[in-house]
Amino acid sequence: MPCPEILEQICAELKENIDSPICQDLKKHLEGCPECRAYVDSLKKTVYLYRHLPEEAVPEDVQDRLYKVLKIKS
């Protein structure tokens, strides 16, 4: 089961309450789907590592590629 914080963040992005049907469906899906759990875990680890690296240690081209993959504007 994923961290409650991650589920809350996903639901917040969906503009849903953690107890809403869509978030409960997401929680149930993640409980029964190892592929999605692995994907969420991998995203969580990537974000954690990215946030804890010194900013100057991440080359700009790597940062740009990461933002592009995550579809975030730098």
C-alpha atoms as a PDB file:
ATOM      1  CA  MET A   1       0.000   0.000   0.000  1.00  0.00           C
ATOM      2  CA  PRO A   2       1.430   3.415  -0.859  1.00  0.00           C
ATOM      3  CA  CYS A   3       2.208   6.072   1.705  1.00  0.00           C
ATOM      4  CA  PRO A   4      -0.901   7.965   2.784  1.00  0.00           C
ATOM      5  CA  GLU A   5       0.887  11.203   1.927  1.00  0.00           C
ATOM      6  CA  ILE A   6       1.322  10.137  -1.690  1.00  0.00           C
ATOM      7  CA  LEU A   7      -2.335   9.166  -1.990  1.00  0.00           C
ATOM      8  CA  GLU A   8      -3.314  12.506  -0.450  1.00  0.00           C
ATOM      9  CA  GLN A   9      -1.114  14.371  -2.939  1.00  0.00           C
ATOM     10  CA  ILE A  10      -2.582  12.478  -5.883  1.00  0.00           C
ATOM     11  CA  CYS A  11      -6.107  13.177  -4.650  1.00  0.00           C
ATOM     12  CA  ALA A  12      -5.226  16.821  -4.064  1.00  0.00           C
ATOM     13  CA  GLU A  13      -3.990  17.058  -7.663  1.00  0.00           C
ATOM     14  CA  LEU A  14      -7.303  15.556  -8.759  1.00  0.00           C
ATOM     15  CA  LYS A  15      -8.994  18.152  -6.533  1.00  0.00           C
ATOM     16  CA  GLU A  16     -10.648  15.325  -4.607  1.00  0.00           C
ATOM     17  CA  ASN A  17     -11.055  14.642  -0.898  1.00  0.00           C
ATOM     18  CA  ILE A  18      -9.076  11.613   0.332  1.00  0.00           C
ATOM     19  CA  ASP A  19     -12.396   9.953   1.228  1.00  0.00           C
ATOM     20  CA  SER A  20     -14.006  10.623  -2.157  1.00  0.00           C
ATOM     21  CA  PRO A  21     -15.016   7.652  -4.304  1.00  0.00           C
ATOM     22  CA  ILE A  22     -12.282   8.324  -6.891  1.00  0.00           C
ATOM     23  CA  CYS A  23      -9.563   8.372  -4.224  1.00  0.00           C
ATOM     24  CA  GLN A  24     -10.938   5.257  -2.557  1.00  0.00           C
ATOM     25  CA  ASP A  25     -10.984   3.530  -5.979  1.00  0.00           C
ATOM     26  CA  LEU A  26      -7.385   4.626  -6.536  1.00  0.00           C
ATOM     27  CA  LYS A  27      -6.384   3.274  -3.125  1.00  0.00           C
ATOM     28  CA  LYS A  28      -8.068  -0.074  -3.818  1.00  0.00           C
ATOM     29  CA  HIS A  29      -6.426  -0.283  -7.241  1.00  0.00           C
ATOM     30  CA  LEU A  30      -2.982   0.396  -5.816  1.00  0.00           C
ATOM     31  CA  GLU A  31      -3.509  -2.242  -3.131  1.00  0.00           C
ATOM     32  CA  GLY A  32      -4.149  -4.885  -5.804  1.00  0.00           C
ATOM     33  CA  CYS A  33      -1.841  -3.768  -8.610  1.00  0.00           C
ATOM     34  CA  PRO A  34       1.866  -4.403  -8.092  1.00  0.00           C
ATOM     35  CA  GLU A  35       2.778  -2.604 -11.337  1.00  0.00           C
ATOM     36  CA  CYS A  36       1.066   0.631 -10.272  1.00  0.00           C
ATOM     37  CA  ARG A  37       2.481   0.361  -6.751  1.00  0.00           C
ATOM     38  CA  ALA A  38       5.963  -0.007  -8.255  1.00  0.00           C
ATOM     39  CA  TYR A  39       5.342   3.002 -10.501  1.00  0.00           C
ATOM     40  CA  VAL A  40       4.162   5.178  -7.584  1.00  0.00           C
ATOM     41  CA  ASP A  41       7.091   3.973  -5.461  1.00  0.00           C
ATOM     42  CA  SER A  42       9.539   4.789  -8.243  1.00  0.00           C
ATOM     43  CA  LEU A  43       8.068   8.290  -8.618  1.00  0.00           C
ATOM     44  CA  LYS A  44       8.222   8.822  -4.875  1.00  0.00           C
ATOM     45  CA  LYS A  45      11.890   7.766  -4.753  1.00  0.00           C
ATOM     46  CA  THR A  46      12.773   9.931  -7.762  1.00  0.00           C
ATOM     47  CA  VAL A  47      11.174  13.010  -6.204  1.00  0.00           C
ATOM     48  CA  TYR A  48      12.849  12.298  -2.850  1.00  0.00           C
ATOM     49  CA  LEU A  49      16.283  11.936  -4.430  1.00  0.00           C
ATOM     50  CA  TYR A  50      15.805  14.984  -6.625  1.00  0.00           C
ATOM     51  CA  ARG A  51      14.773  17.130  -3.653  1.00  0.00           C
ATOM     52  CA  HIS A  52      17.732  15.999  -1.557  1.00  0.00           C
ATOM     53  CA  LEU A  53      20.490  16.497  -4.112  1.00  0.00           C
ATOM     54  CA  PRO A  54      22.339  19.785  -3.950  1.00  0.00           C
ATOM     55  CA  GLU A  55      20.952  21.964  -6.712  1.00  0.00           C
ATOM     56  CA  GLU A  56      24.337  22.497  -8.335  1.00  0.00           C
ATOM     57  CA  ALA A  57      24.895  18.718  -8.562  1.00  0.00           C
ATOM     58  CA  VAL A  58      22.128  18.316 -11.164  1.00  0.00           C
ATOM     59  CA  PRO A  59      23.280  19.440 -14.610  1.00  0.00           C
ATOM     60  CA  GLU A  60      20.807  21.722 -16.368  1.00  0.00           C
ATOM     61  CA  ASP A  61      20.245  19.301 -19.270  1.00  0.00           C
ATOM     62  CA  VAL A  62      19.368  16.515 -16.816  1.00  0.00           C
ATOM     63  CA  GLN A  63      17.023  18.830 -14.946  1.00  0.00           C
ATOM     64  CA  ASP A  64      15.356  19.867 -18.227  1.00  0.00           C
ATOM     65  CA  ARG A  65      14.875  16.220 -19.253  1.00  0.00           C
ATOM     66  CA  LEU A  66      13.382  15.378 -15.856  1.00  0.00           C
ATOM     67  CA  TYR A  67      10.960  18.290 -16.078  1.00  0.00           C
ATOM     68  CA  LYS A  68      10.009  17.224 -19.593  1.00  0.00           C
ATOM     69  CA  VAL A  69       9.312  13.645 -18.463  1.00  0.00           C
ATOM     70  CA  LEU A  70       7.291  14.904 -15.500  1.00  0.00           C
ATOM     71  CA  LYS A  71       5.650  17.550 -17.756  1.00  0.00           C
ATOM     72  CA  ILE A  72       6.657  20.388 -15.452  1.00  0.00           C
ATOM     73  CA  LYS A  73       7.826  23.729 -16.742  1.00  0.00           C
ATOM     74  CA  SER A  74      11.191  24.801 -15.358  1.00  0.00           C
END
